[in-house]
Protein backbone atom coordinates (compact mmCIF):
# COMPACT_ATOMS: atom_id res chain seq x y z
CA UNK A 1 0.00 0.00 0.00
CA UNK A 2 1.16 3.55 -0.70
CA UNK A 3 0.95 4.49 2.96
CA UNK A 4 3.65 1.93 3.77
CA UNK A 5 5.90 3.28 1.01
CA UNK A 6 5.54 6.76 2.50
CA UNK A 7 6.19 5.36 5.98
CA UNK A 8 9.44 3.76 4.77
CA UNK A 9 10.53 6.88 2.90
CA UNK A 10 10.07 9.04 6.00
CA UNK A 11 12.00 6.83 8.43
CA UNK A 12 14.37 9.20 10.26
CA UNK A 13 18.13 8.59 10.24
CA UNK A 14 17.95 5.96 7.50
CA UNK A 15 19.78 6.83 4.30
CA UNK A 16 18.28 6.04 0.91
CA UNK A 17 20.79 3.19 0.58
CA UNK A 18 19.66 1.71 3.90
CA UNK A 19 16.00 1.99 2.92
CA UNK A 20 16.67 0.22 -0.37
CA UNK A 21 18.72 -2.46 1.39
CA UNK A 22 15.89 -3.33 3.75
CA UNK A 23 13.43 -3.15 0.83
CA UNK A 24 15.56 -5.69 -1.06
CA UNK A 25 15.66 -7.91 2.03
CA UNK A 26 11.90 -7.91 2.64
CA UNK A 27 10.55 -7.28 -0.84
CA UNK A 28 7.71 -4.95 0.13
CA UNK A 29 7.28 -1.97 2.50
CA UNK A 30 4.19 -3.57 4.04
CA UNK A 31 6.28 -6.60 5.04
CA UNK A 32 8.85 -4.25 6.56
CA UNK A 33 6.14 -2.44 8.49
CA UNK A 34 4.84 -5.64 10.09
CA UNK A 35 8.29 -7.11 10.78
CA UNK A 36 9.57 -7.43 14.35
CA UNK A 37 13.01 -6.77 15.79
CA UNK A 38 14.12 -10.37 15.35
CA UNK A 39 13.57 -10.23 11.60
CA UNK A 40 15.52 -6.98 11.27
CA UNK A 41 18.49 -8.65 12.98
CA UNK A 42 18.88 -10.85 9.89
CA UNK A 43 19.33 -7.91 7.51
CA UNK A 44 22.97 -7.39 6.59
CA UNK A 45 24.36 -4.08 7.84
CA UNK A 46 21.28 -3.30 9.96
CA UNK A 47 22.24 -1.39 13.11
CA UNK A 48 20.23 -1.11 16.30
CA UNK A 49 19.42 2.53 15.43
CA UNK A 50 18.17 1.43 12.01
CA UNK A 51 15.96 -1.21 13.58
CA UNK A 52 14.56 1.28 16.10
CA UNK A 53 13.53 3.61 13.27
CA UNK A 54 11.72 0.74 11.57
CA UNK A 55 10.04 -0.41 14.78
CA UNK A 56 8.14 2.88 14.97
CA UNK A 57 4.82 1.77 13.49
CA UNK A 58 3.03 5.10 13.75
CA UNK A 59 1.36 5.87 10.41
CA UNK A 60 0.07 9.32 11.38
CA UNK A 61 2.69 11.25 9.39
CA UNK A 62 2.38 8.97 6.37
CA UNK A 63 -1.40 9.29 6.37
CA UNK A 64 -1.17 13.09 6.52
CA UNK A 65 1.22 13.11 3.56
CA UNK A 66 -1.08 10.81 1.61
CA UNK A 67 -4.07 13.02 2.41
CA UNK A 68 -2.13 16.10 1.25
CA UNK A 69 -1.25 14.37 -2.02
CA UNK A 70 -4.87 13.49 -2.69
CA UNK A 71 -6.07 17.00 -1.84
CA UNK A 72 -3.46 18.69 -4.04
CA UNK A 73 -3.45 16.24 -6.96
CA UNK A 74 0.13 15.19 -6.25
CA UNK A 75 1.10 11.80 -7.65
CA UNK A 76 3.42 9.28 -6.01
CA UNK A 77 5.83 7.04 -7.93
CA UNK A 78 7.49 4.28 -5.93
CA UNK A 79 10.85 2.68 -6.64
CA UNK A 80 9.07 -0.45 -7.89
CA UNK A 81 6.64 1.34 -10.23
CA UNK A 82 7.11 0.92 -13.96
CA UNK A 83 7.06 4.71 -14.40
CA UNK A 84 10.08 5.17 -12.11
CA UNK A 85 12.88 6.54 -14.34
CA UNK A 86 15.31 3.75 -15.18
CA UNK A 87 18.40 5.99 -15.27
CA UNK A 88 17.66 7.27 -11.78
CA UNK A 89 17.83 3.72 -10.45
CA UNK A 90 21.47 3.56 -11.55
CA UNK A 91 22.71 6.07 -8.98
CA UNK A 92 23.94 4.76 -5.64
CA UNK A 93 21.09 6.25 -3.58
CA UNK A 94 17.90 6.74 -5.60
CA UNK A 95 14.85 8.00 -3.69
CA UNK A 96 12.43 5.35 -2.45
CA UNK A 97 9.53 7.44 -3.72
CA UNK A 98 9.05 10.48 -5.95
CA UNK A 99 6.26 13.02 -5.55
CA UNK A 100 5.30 14.68 -8.81
CA UNK A 101 2.79 16.88 -10.60
CA UNK A 102 2.34 16.60 -14.33
CA UNK A 103 3.41 13.78 -16.66
CA UNK A 104 6.36 11.62 -15.59
CA UNK A 105 6.37 9.34 -18.65
CA UNK A 106 8.86 9.48 -21.50
CA UNK A 107 12.03 10.17 -19.53
CA UNK A 108 13.64 6.91 -20.64
CA UNK A 109 12.68 7.17 -24.32
CA UNK A 110 14.26 10.56 -25.16
CA UNK A 111 17.63 12.21 -24.54
CA UNK A 112 17.50 14.07 -21.22
CA UNK A 113 19.86 16.96 -20.61
CA UNK A 114 20.29 18.77 -17.31
CA UNK A 115 21.04 22.49 -17.50
CA UNK A 116 22.08 24.19 -14.29
CA UNK A 117 24.17 27.09 -13.03
CA UNK A 118 24.49 29.91 -10.56
CA UNK A 119 21.54 31.84 -9.20
CA UNK A 120 23.58 35.03 -9.60
CA UNK A 121 23.89 34.67 -13.35
CA UNK A 122 25.51 37.20 -15.63
CA UNK A 123 23.68 38.66 -18.61
CA UNK A 124 25.80 36.42 -20.84
CA UNK A 125 24.92 33.38 -18.72
CA UNK A 126 21.19 34.09 -18.85
CA UNK A 127 21.28 34.52 -22.61
CA UNK A 128 23.36 31.37 -23.09
CA UNK A 129 21.25 29.17 -20.81
CA UNK A 130 18.03 30.30 -22.50
CA UNK A 131 19.54 29.63 -25.93
CA UNK A 132 20.79 26.18 -24.88
CA UNK A 133 17.41 25.28 -23.40
CA UNK A 134 15.72 26.32 -26.63
CA UNK A 135 18.12 24.32 -28.80
CA UNK A 136 17.90 21.18 -26.62
CA UNK A 137 14.12 21.23 -26.91
CA UNK A 138 14.19 21.92 -30.66
CA UNK A 139 16.45 18.87 -31.12
CA UNK A 140 13.94 16.66 -29.33
CA UNK A 141 15.61 16.53 -25.94
CA UNK A 142 13.96 16.82 -22.55
CA UNK A 143 15.42 19.54 -20.36
CA UNK A 144 15.88 18.95 -16.63
CA UNK A 145 16.58 21.83 -14.27
CA UNK A 146 16.31 22.82 -10.64
CA UNK A 147 13.98 25.74 -11.42
CA UNK A 148 16.15 28.03 -9.33
CA UNK A 149 16.62 31.71 -10.04
CA UNK A 150 19.29 32.47 -12.64
CA UNK A 151 20.59 29.92 -15.15
CA UNK A 152 18.12 27.17 -14.19
CA UNK A 153 15.02 29.25 -14.76
CA UNK A 154 16.41 30.82 -17.92
CA UNK A 155 17.16 27.42 -19.47
CA UNK A 156 13.68 26.21 -18.59
CA UNK A 157 12.15 29.31 -20.20
CA UNK A 158 14.09 28.65 -23.39
CA UNK A 159 12.94 25.04 -23.60
CA UNK A 160 9.32 26.00 -22.98
CA UNK A 161 9.53 28.68 -25.66
CA UNK A 162 10.57 25.96 -28.10
CA UNK A 163 7.59 23.83 -27.09
CA UNK A 164 9.72 21.16 -25.45
CA UNK A 165 9.08 18.83 -22.54
CA UNK A 166 10.70 19.91 -19.29
CA UNK A 167 11.27 18.52 -15.81
CA UNK A 168 11.77 20.61 -12.70
CA UNK A 169 13.50 18.86 -9.78
CA UNK A 170 12.79 20.65 -6.52
CA UNK A 171 14.46 21.04 -3.16
CA UNK A 172 11.05 21.48 -1.53
CA UNK A 173 7.59 19.97 -1.84
CA UNK A 174 6.04 20.12 -5.30
CA UNK A 175 3.29 22.29 -3.80
CA UNK A 176 5.82 24.90 -2.61
CA UNK A 177 6.85 27.56 -5.14
CA UNK A 178 10.47 28.60 -4.66
CA UNK A 179 11.49 31.16 -5.62
CA UNK A 180 8.08 32.87 -5.53
CA UNK A 181 8.93 34.77 -8.72
CA UNK A 182 8.77 31.47 -10.64
CA UNK A 183 5.11 30.74 -9.97
CA UNK A 184 4.17 30.96 -13.65
CA UNK A 185 7.26 28.92 -14.59
CA UNK A 186 6.16 26.20 -12.16
CA UNK A 187 2.73 26.15 -13.76
CA UNK A 188 4.15 25.95 -17.28
CA UNK A 189 6.57 23.19 -16.25
CA UNK A 190 3.76 21.10 -14.79
CA UNK A 191 1.67 21.56 -17.95
CA UNK A 192 4.54 20.72 -20.32
CA UNK A 193 6.28 17.99 -18.34
CA UNK A 194 6.45 17.56 -14.60
CA UNK A 195 7.61 18.82 -11.25
CA UNK A 196 9.47 16.20 -9.17
CA UNK A 197 10.60 16.06 -5.57
CA UNK A 198 11.64 13.38 -3.11
CA UNK A 199 10.36 15.65 -0.34
CA UNK A 200 6.74 15.40 0.85
CA UNK A 201 4.19 18.16 0.27
CA UNK A 202 4.61 21.28 2.41
CA UNK A 203 8.39 20.71 2.79
CA UNK A 204 10.04 24.16 2.91
CA UNK A 205 13.08 24.95 0.71
CA UNK A 206 15.68 24.15 3.38
CA UNK A 207 19.18 24.93 2.13
CA UNK A 208 20.42 21.39 2.82
CA UNK A 209 17.77 19.96 0.50
CA UNK A 210 19.32 21.45 -2.63
CA UNK A 211 22.65 19.54 -2.69
CA UNK A 212 20.59 16.38 -2.12
CA UNK A 213 18.21 17.07 -5.01
CA UNK A 214 21.18 17.64 -7.37
CA UNK A 215 21.80 13.89 -7.54
CA UNK A 216 18.30 13.48 -8.99
CA UNK A 217 18.98 16.03 -11.72
CA UNK A 218 22.17 14.23 -12.72
CA UNK A 219 20.59 10.80 -12.26
CA UNK A 220 17.75 11.58 -14.67
CA UNK A 221 20.08 13.06 -17.28
CA UNK A 222 22.21 11.62 -20.05
CA UNK A 223 24.44 14.63 -19.52
CA UNK A 224 24.51 17.85 -17.50
CA UNK A 225 25.49 21.28 -18.82
CA UNK A 226 26.77 23.75 -16.24
CA UNK A 227 26.37 27.15 -17.87
CA UNK A 228 28.32 29.14 -15.30
CA UNK A 229 29.13 28.69 -11.62
CA UNK A 230 31.67 29.95 -9.08
CA UNK A 231 34.15 27.69 -7.32
CA UNK A 232 32.47 25.62 -4.65
CA UNK A 233 29.08 25.89 -6.34
CA UNK A 234 26.50 23.14 -5.88
CA UNK A 235 26.44 22.88 -9.68
C-alpha atoms as a PDB file:
ATOM      1  CA  UNK A   1       0.000   0.000   0.000  1.00  0.00           C
ATOM      2  CA  UNK A   2       1.159   3.551  -0.698  1.00  0.00           C
ATOM      3  CA  UNK A   3       0.952   4.493   2.960  1.00  0.00           C
ATOM      4  CA  UNK A   4       3.648   1.932   3.766  1.00  0.00           C
ATOM      5  CA  UNK A   5       5.903   3.280   1.005  1.00  0.00           C
ATOM      6  CA  UNK A   6       5.545   6.758   2.497  1.00  0.00           C
ATOM      7  CA  UNK A   7       6.195   5.364   5.979  1.00  0.00           C
ATOM      8  CA  UNK A   8       9.441   3.755   4.766  1.00  0.00           C
ATOM      9  CA  UNK A   9      10.526   6.883   2.896  1.00  0.00           C
ATOM     10  CA  UNK A  10      10.068   9.038   6.001  1.00  0.00           C
ATOM     11  CA  UNK A  11      12.002   6.833   8.428  1.00  0.00           C
ATOM     12  CA  UNK A  12      14.374   9.196  10.263  1.00  0.00           C
ATOM     13  CA  UNK A  13      18.127   8.588  10.237  1.00  0.00           C
ATOM     14  CA  UNK A  14      17.950   5.960   7.495  1.00  0.00           C
ATOM     15  CA  UNK A  15      19.785   6.833   4.296  1.00  0.00           C
ATOM     16  CA  UNK A  16      18.279   6.038   0.912  1.00  0.00           C
ATOM     17  CA  UNK A  17      20.795   3.189   0.583  1.00  0.00           C
ATOM     18  CA  UNK A  18      19.656   1.710   3.897  1.00  0.00           C
ATOM     19  CA  UNK A  19      15.999   1.987   2.923  1.00  0.00           C
ATOM     20  CA  UNK A  20      16.666   0.215  -0.369  1.00  0.00           C
ATOM     21  CA  UNK A  21      18.725  -2.457   1.386  1.00  0.00           C
ATOM     22  CA  UNK A  22      15.894  -3.328   3.753  1.00  0.00           C
ATOM     23  CA  UNK A  23      13.435  -3.154   0.825  1.00  0.00           C
ATOM     24  CA  UNK A  24      15.557  -5.693  -1.059  1.00  0.00           C
ATOM     25  CA  UNK A  25      15.659  -7.912   2.025  1.00  0.00           C
ATOM     26  CA  UNK A  26      11.903  -7.905   2.643  1.00  0.00           C
ATOM     27  CA  UNK A  27      10.548  -7.279  -0.842  1.00  0.00           C
ATOM     28  CA  UNK A  28       7.706  -4.953   0.128  1.00  0.00           C
ATOM     29  CA  UNK A  29       7.279  -1.970   2.501  1.00  0.00           C
ATOM     30  CA  UNK A  30       4.189  -3.565   4.042  1.00  0.00           C
ATOM     31  CA  UNK A  31       6.282  -6.597   5.039  1.00  0.00           C
ATOM     32  CA  UNK A  32       8.853  -4.247   6.564  1.00  0.00           C
ATOM     33  CA  UNK A  33       6.137  -2.439   8.495  1.00  0.00           C
ATOM     34  CA  UNK A  34       4.841  -5.641  10.088  1.00  0.00           C
ATOM     35  CA  UNK A  35       8.288  -7.111  10.785  1.00  0.00           C
ATOM     36  CA  UNK A  36       9.570  -7.433  14.349  1.00  0.00           C
ATOM     37  CA  UNK A  37      13.013  -6.775  15.787  1.00  0.00           C
ATOM     38  CA  UNK A  38      14.124 -10.368  15.355  1.00  0.00           C
ATOM     39  CA  UNK A  39      13.571 -10.233  11.605  1.00  0.00           C
ATOM     40  CA  UNK A  40      15.518  -6.980  11.274  1.00  0.00           C
ATOM     41  CA  UNK A  41      18.488  -8.647  12.977  1.00  0.00           C
ATOM     42  CA  UNK A  42      18.878 -10.854   9.888  1.00  0.00           C
ATOM     43  CA  UNK A  43      19.325  -7.907   7.509  1.00  0.00           C
ATOM     44  CA  UNK A  44      22.969  -7.393   6.588  1.00  0.00           C
ATOM     45  CA  UNK A  45      24.360  -4.082   7.839  1.00  0.00           C
ATOM     46  CA  UNK A  46      21.285  -3.303   9.962  1.00  0.00           C
ATOM     47  CA  UNK A  47      22.242  -1.393  13.113  1.00  0.00           C
ATOM     48  CA  UNK A  48      20.232  -1.107  16.301  1.00  0.00           C
ATOM     49  CA  UNK A  49      19.417   2.532  15.435  1.00  0.00           C
ATOM     50  CA  UNK A  50      18.170   1.432  12.009  1.00  0.00           C
ATOM     51  CA  UNK A  51      15.961  -1.208  13.583  1.00  0.00           C
ATOM     52  CA  UNK A  52      14.561   1.278  16.104  1.00  0.00           C
ATOM     53  CA  UNK A  53      13.530   3.607  13.269  1.00  0.00           C
ATOM     54  CA  UNK A  54      11.722   0.735  11.567  1.00  0.00           C
ATOM     55  CA  UNK A  55      10.041  -0.405  14.781  1.00  0.00           C
ATOM     56  CA  UNK A  56       8.143   2.876  14.970  1.00  0.00           C
ATOM     57  CA  UNK A  57       4.824   1.766  13.493  1.00  0.00           C
ATOM     58  CA  UNK A  58       3.026   5.099  13.750  1.00  0.00           C
ATOM     59  CA  UNK A  59       1.362   5.872  10.406  1.00  0.00           C
ATOM     60  CA  UNK A  60       0.074   9.318  11.376  1.00  0.00           C
ATOM     61  CA  UNK A  61       2.687  11.249   9.394  1.00  0.00           C
ATOM     62  CA  UNK A  62       2.381   8.966   6.373  1.00  0.00           C
ATOM     63  CA  UNK A  63      -1.397   9.289   6.371  1.00  0.00           C
ATOM     64  CA  UNK A  64      -1.174  13.088   6.518  1.00  0.00           C
ATOM     65  CA  UNK A  65       1.221  13.115   3.562  1.00  0.00           C
ATOM     66  CA  UNK A  66      -1.076  10.811   1.613  1.00  0.00           C
ATOM     67  CA  UNK A  67      -4.074  13.021   2.407  1.00  0.00           C
ATOM     68  CA  UNK A  68      -2.132  16.101   1.245  1.00  0.00           C
ATOM     69  CA  UNK A  69      -1.251  14.374  -2.021  1.00  0.00           C
ATOM     70  CA  UNK A  70      -4.866  13.491  -2.692  1.00  0.00           C
ATOM     71  CA  UNK A  71      -6.070  16.999  -1.845  1.00  0.00           C
ATOM     72  CA  UNK A  72      -3.457  18.691  -4.037  1.00  0.00           C
ATOM     73  CA  UNK A  73      -3.455  16.237  -6.959  1.00  0.00           C
ATOM     74  CA  UNK A  74       0.128  15.187  -6.251  1.00  0.00           C
ATOM     75  CA  UNK A  75       1.096  11.796  -7.655  1.00  0.00           C
ATOM     76  CA  UNK A  76       3.418   9.276  -6.006  1.00  0.00           C
ATOM     77  CA  UNK A  77       5.827   7.043  -7.935  1.00  0.00           C
ATOM     78  CA  UNK A  78       7.494   4.280  -5.930  1.00  0.00           C
ATOM     79  CA  UNK A  79      10.851   2.679  -6.640  1.00  0.00           C
ATOM     80  CA  UNK A  80       9.065  -0.447  -7.891  1.00  0.00           C
ATOM     81  CA  UNK A  81       6.636   1.337 -10.227  1.00  0.00           C
ATOM     82  CA  UNK A  82       7.105   0.922 -13.962  1.00  0.00           C
ATOM     83  CA  UNK A  83       7.064   4.706 -14.396  1.00  0.00           C
ATOM     84  CA  UNK A  84      10.080   5.166 -12.110  1.00  0.00           C
ATOM     85  CA  UNK A  85      12.881   6.545 -14.338  1.00  0.00           C
ATOM     86  CA  UNK A  86      15.314   3.754 -15.177  1.00  0.00           C
ATOM     87  CA  UNK A  87      18.402   5.994 -15.268  1.00  0.00           C
ATOM     88  CA  UNK A  88      17.658   7.269 -11.778  1.00  0.00           C
ATOM     89  CA  UNK A  89      17.830   3.715 -10.455  1.00  0.00           C
ATOM     90  CA  UNK A  90      21.472   3.558 -11.554  1.00  0.00           C
ATOM     91  CA  UNK A  91      22.710   6.074  -8.977  1.00  0.00           C
ATOM     92  CA  UNK A  92      23.936   4.763  -5.636  1.00  0.00           C
ATOM     93  CA  UNK A  93      21.089   6.246  -3.582  1.00  0.00           C
ATOM     94  CA  UNK A  94      17.897   6.736  -5.604  1.00  0.00           C
ATOM     95  CA  UNK A  95      14.854   7.997  -3.686  1.00  0.00           C
ATOM     96  CA  UNK A  96      12.430   5.346  -2.453  1.00  0.00           C
ATOM     97  CA  UNK A  97       9.528   7.444  -3.724  1.00  0.00           C
ATOM     98  CA  UNK A  98       9.048  10.481  -5.951  1.00  0.00           C
ATOM     99  CA  UNK A  99       6.261  13.018  -5.548  1.00  0.00           C
ATOM    100  CA  UNK A 100       5.296  14.677  -8.806  1.00  0.00           C
ATOM    101  CA  UNK A 101       2.788  16.885 -10.600  1.00  0.00           C
ATOM    102  CA  UNK A 102       2.340  16.604 -14.330  1.00  0.00           C
ATOM    103  CA  UNK A 103       3.410  13.782 -16.657  1.00  0.00           C
ATOM    104  CA  UNK A 104       6.359  11.616 -15.593  1.00  0.00           C
ATOM    105  CA  UNK A 105       6.371   9.341 -18.646  1.00  0.00           C
ATOM    106  CA  UNK A 106       8.864   9.476 -21.496  1.00  0.00           C
ATOM    107  CA  UNK A 107      12.033  10.167 -19.532  1.00  0.00           C
ATOM    108  CA  UNK A 108      13.639   6.909 -20.643  1.00  0.00           C
ATOM    109  CA  UNK A 109      12.683   7.173 -24.319  1.00  0.00           C
ATOM    110  CA  UNK A 110      14.255  10.558 -25.158  1.00  0.00           C
ATOM    111  CA  UNK A 111      17.626  12.214 -24.540  1.00  0.00           C
ATOM    112  CA  UNK A 112      17.497  14.067 -21.224  1.00  0.00           C
ATOM    113  CA  UNK A 113      19.863  16.963 -20.613  1.00  0.00           C
ATOM    114  CA  UNK A 114      20.288  18.770 -17.314  1.00  0.00           C
ATOM    115  CA  UNK A 115      21.044  22.490 -17.504  1.00  0.00           C
ATOM    116  CA  UNK A 116      22.085  24.190 -14.285  1.00  0.00           C
ATOM    117  CA  UNK A 117      24.166  27.089 -13.032  1.00  0.00           C
ATOM    118  CA  UNK A 118      24.486  29.908 -10.563  1.00  0.00           C
ATOM    119  CA  UNK A 119      21.542  31.838  -9.198  1.00  0.00           C
ATOM    120  CA  UNK A 120      23.583  35.028  -9.604  1.00  0.00           C
ATOM    121  CA  UNK A 121      23.894  34.672 -13.345  1.00  0.00           C
ATOM    122  CA  UNK A 122      25.514  37.198 -15.629  1.00  0.00           C
ATOM    123  CA  UNK A 123      23.684  38.659 -18.611  1.00  0.00           C
ATOM    124  CA  UNK A 124      25.796  36.416 -20.845  1.00  0.00           C
ATOM    125  CA  UNK A 125      24.920  33.381 -18.718  1.00  0.00           C
ATOM    126  CA  UNK A 126      21.195  34.092 -18.848  1.00  0.00           C
ATOM    127  CA  UNK A 127      21.283  34.517 -22.610  1.00  0.00           C
ATOM    128  CA  UNK A 128      23.356  31.371 -23.095  1.00  0.00           C
ATOM    129  CA  UNK A 129      21.252  29.173 -20.814  1.00  0.00           C
ATOM    130  CA  UNK A 130      18.033  30.297 -22.505  1.00  0.00           C
ATOM    131  CA  UNK A 131      19.545  29.633 -25.935  1.00  0.00           C
ATOM    132  CA  UNK A 132      20.790  26.183 -24.883  1.00  0.00           C
ATOM    133  CA  UNK A 133      17.415  25.285 -23.397  1.00  0.00           C
ATOM    134  CA  UNK A 134      15.720  26.321 -26.625  1.00  0.00           C
ATOM    135  CA  UNK A 135      18.118  24.318 -28.799  1.00  0.00           C
ATOM    136  CA  UNK A 136      17.898  21.184 -26.622  1.00  0.00           C
ATOM    137  CA  UNK A 137      14.115  21.232 -26.914  1.00  0.00           C
ATOM    138  CA  UNK A 138      14.191  21.916 -30.663  1.00  0.00           C
ATOM    139  CA  UNK A 139      16.455  18.873 -31.116  1.00  0.00           C
ATOM    140  CA  UNK A 140      13.936  16.656 -29.330  1.00  0.00           C
ATOM    141  CA  UNK A 141      15.605  16.527 -25.942  1.00  0.00           C
ATOM    142  CA  UNK A 142      13.963  16.823 -22.545  1.00  0.00           C
ATOM    143  CA  UNK A 143      15.422  19.543 -20.360  1.00  0.00           C
ATOM    144  CA  UNK A 144      15.880  18.952 -16.625  1.00  0.00           C
ATOM    145  CA  UNK A 145      16.576  21.831 -14.268  1.00  0.00           C
ATOM    146  CA  UNK A 146      16.309  22.819 -10.642  1.00  0.00           C
ATOM    147  CA  UNK A 147      13.975  25.739 -11.420  1.00  0.00           C
ATOM    148  CA  UNK A 148      16.151  28.029  -9.328  1.00  0.00           C
ATOM    149  CA  UNK A 149      16.624  31.707 -10.043  1.00  0.00           C
ATOM    150  CA  UNK A 150      19.288  32.466 -12.642  1.00  0.00           C
ATOM    151  CA  UNK A 151      20.590  29.916 -15.147  1.00  0.00           C
ATOM    152  CA  UNK A 152      18.118  27.166 -14.185  1.00  0.00           C
ATOM    153  CA  UNK A 153      15.022  29.253 -14.764  1.00  0.00           C
ATOM    154  CA  UNK A 154      16.411  30.821 -17.920  1.00  0.00           C
ATOM    155  CA  UNK A 155      17.160  27.416 -19.470  1.00  0.00           C
ATOM    156  CA  UNK A 156      13.678  26.213 -18.592  1.00  0.00           C
ATOM    157  CA  UNK A 157      12.149  29.307 -20.200  1.00  0.00           C
ATOM    158  CA  UNK A 158      14.092  28.651 -23.387  1.00  0.00           C
ATOM    159  CA  UNK A 159      12.935  25.035 -23.602  1.00  0.00           C
ATOM    160  CA  UNK A 160       9.320  26.001 -22.982  1.00  0.00           C
ATOM    161  CA  UNK A 161       9.528  28.682 -25.660  1.00  0.00           C
ATOM    162  CA  UNK A 162      10.573  25.955 -28.097  1.00  0.00           C
ATOM    163  CA  UNK A 163       7.589  23.829 -27.086  1.00  0.00           C
ATOM    164  CA  UNK A 164       9.719  21.156 -25.449  1.00  0.00           C
ATOM    165  CA  UNK A 165       9.079  18.830 -22.543  1.00  0.00           C
ATOM    166  CA  UNK A 166      10.703  19.915 -19.285  1.00  0.00           C
ATOM    167  CA  UNK A 167      11.274  18.519 -15.807  1.00  0.00           C
ATOM    168  CA  UNK A 168      11.774  20.613 -12.697  1.00  0.00           C
ATOM    169  CA  UNK A 169      13.497  18.856  -9.777  1.00  0.00           C
ATOM    170  CA  UNK A 170      12.787  20.650  -6.523  1.00  0.00           C
ATOM    171  CA  UNK A 171      14.462  21.043  -3.165  1.00  0.00           C
ATOM    172  CA  UNK A 172      11.054  21.483  -1.525  1.00  0.00           C
ATOM    173  CA  UNK A 173       7.588  19.972  -1.836  1.00  0.00           C
ATOM    174  CA  UNK A 174       6.037  20.122  -5.298  1.00  0.00           C
ATOM    175  CA  UNK A 175       3.290  22.294  -3.799  1.00  0.00           C
ATOM    176  CA  UNK A 176       5.818  24.900  -2.614  1.00  0.00           C
ATOM    177  CA  UNK A 177       6.851  27.563  -5.143  1.00  0.00           C
ATOM    178  CA  UNK A 178      10.469  28.604  -4.661  1.00  0.00           C
ATOM    179  CA  UNK A 179      11.486  31.163  -5.622  1.00  0.00           C
ATOM    180  CA  UNK A 180       8.078  32.869  -5.530  1.00  0.00           C
ATOM    181  CA  UNK A 181       8.928  34.775  -8.719  1.00  0.00           C
ATOM    182  CA  UNK A 182       8.772  31.472 -10.636  1.00  0.00           C
ATOM    183  CA  UNK A 183       5.107  30.744  -9.969  1.00  0.00           C
ATOM    184  CA  UNK A 184       4.169  30.961 -13.652  1.00  0.00           C
ATOM    185  CA  UNK A 185       7.255  28.918 -14.592  1.00  0.00           C
ATOM    186  CA  UNK A 186       6.159  26.201 -12.155  1.00  0.00           C
ATOM    187  CA  UNK A 187       2.727  26.151 -13.757  1.00  0.00           C
ATOM    188  CA  UNK A 188       4.148  25.949 -17.284  1.00  0.00           C
ATOM    189  CA  UNK A 189       6.568  23.193 -16.253  1.00  0.00           C
ATOM    190  CA  UNK A 190       3.758  21.101 -14.794  1.00  0.00           C
ATOM    191  CA  UNK A 191       1.668  21.563 -17.946  1.00  0.00           C
ATOM    192  CA  UNK A 192       4.540  20.716 -20.317  1.00  0.00           C
ATOM    193  CA  UNK A 193       6.283  17.994 -18.343  1.00  0.00           C
ATOM    194  CA  UNK A 194       6.453  17.556 -14.604  1.00  0.00           C
ATOM    195  CA  UNK A 195       7.612  18.820 -11.246  1.00  0.00           C
ATOM    196  CA  UNK A 196       9.467  16.204  -9.174  1.00  0.00           C
ATOM    197  CA  UNK A 197      10.599  16.060  -5.565  1.00  0.00           C
ATOM    198  CA  UNK A 198      11.640  13.376  -3.114  1.00  0.00           C
ATOM    199  CA  UNK A 199      10.362  15.651  -0.338  1.00  0.00           C
ATOM    200  CA  UNK A 200       6.741  15.396   0.851  1.00  0.00           C
ATOM    201  CA  UNK A 201       4.187  18.157   0.267  1.00  0.00           C
ATOM    202  CA  UNK A 202       4.609  21.281   2.413  1.00  0.00           C
ATOM    203  CA  UNK A 203       8.390  20.711   2.787  1.00  0.00           C
ATOM    204  CA  UNK A 204      10.044  24.163   2.906  1.00  0.00           C
ATOM    205  CA  UNK A 205      13.084  24.950   0.708  1.00  0.00           C
ATOM    206  CA  UNK A 206      15.684  24.151   3.378  1.00  0.00           C
ATOM    207  CA  UNK A 207      19.175  24.934   2.126  1.00  0.00           C
ATOM    208  CA  UNK A 208      20.418  21.390   2.824  1.00  0.00           C
ATOM    209  CA  UNK A 209      17.770  19.959   0.501  1.00  0.00           C
ATOM    210  CA  UNK A 210      19.324  21.445  -2.630  1.00  0.00           C
ATOM    211  CA  UNK A 211      22.646  19.542  -2.693  1.00  0.00           C
ATOM    212  CA  UNK A 212      20.591  16.381  -2.121  1.00  0.00           C
ATOM    213  CA  UNK A 213      18.212  17.074  -5.012  1.00  0.00           C
ATOM    214  CA  UNK A 214      21.183  17.640  -7.371  1.00  0.00           C
ATOM    215  CA  UNK A 215      21.804  13.888  -7.543  1.00  0.00           C
ATOM    216  CA  UNK A 216      18.299  13.478  -8.987  1.00  0.00           C
ATOM    217  CA  UNK A 217      18.981  16.034 -11.721  1.00  0.00           C
ATOM    218  CA  UNK A 218      22.174  14.231 -12.718  1.00  0.00           C
ATOM    219  CA  UNK A 219      20.587  10.800 -12.261  1.00  0.00           C
ATOM    220  CA  UNK A 220      17.752  11.584 -14.667  1.00  0.00           C
ATOM    221  CA  UNK A 221      20.076  13.056 -17.282  1.00  0.00           C
ATOM    222  CA  UNK A 222      22.213  11.624 -20.052  1.00  0.00           C
ATOM    223  CA  UNK A 223      24.441  14.632 -19.516  1.00  0.00           C
ATOM    224  CA  UNK A 224      24.514  17.849 -17.502  1.00  0.00           C
ATOM    225  CA  UNK A 225      25.490  21.277 -18.815  1.00  0.00           C
ATOM    226  CA  UNK A 226      26.773  23.754 -16.236  1.00  0.00           C
ATOM    227  CA  UNK A 227      26.365  27.152 -17.867  1.00  0.00           C
ATOM    228  CA  UNK A 228      28.318  29.139 -15.299  1.00  0.00           C
ATOM    229  CA  UNK A 229      29.134  28.694 -11.622  1.00  0.00           C
ATOM    230  CA  UNK A 230      31.671  29.954  -9.082  1.00  0.00           C
ATOM    231  CA  UNK A 231      34.148  27.695  -7.320  1.00  0.00           C
ATOM    232  CA  UNK A 232      32.470  25.616  -4.649  1.00  0.00           C
ATOM    233  CA  UNK A 233      29.075  25.886  -6.343  1.00  0.00           C
ATOM    234  CA  UNK A 234      26.503  23.138  -5.885  1.00  0.00           C
ATOM    235  CA  UNK A 235      26.443  22.877  -9.676  1.00  0.00           C
END
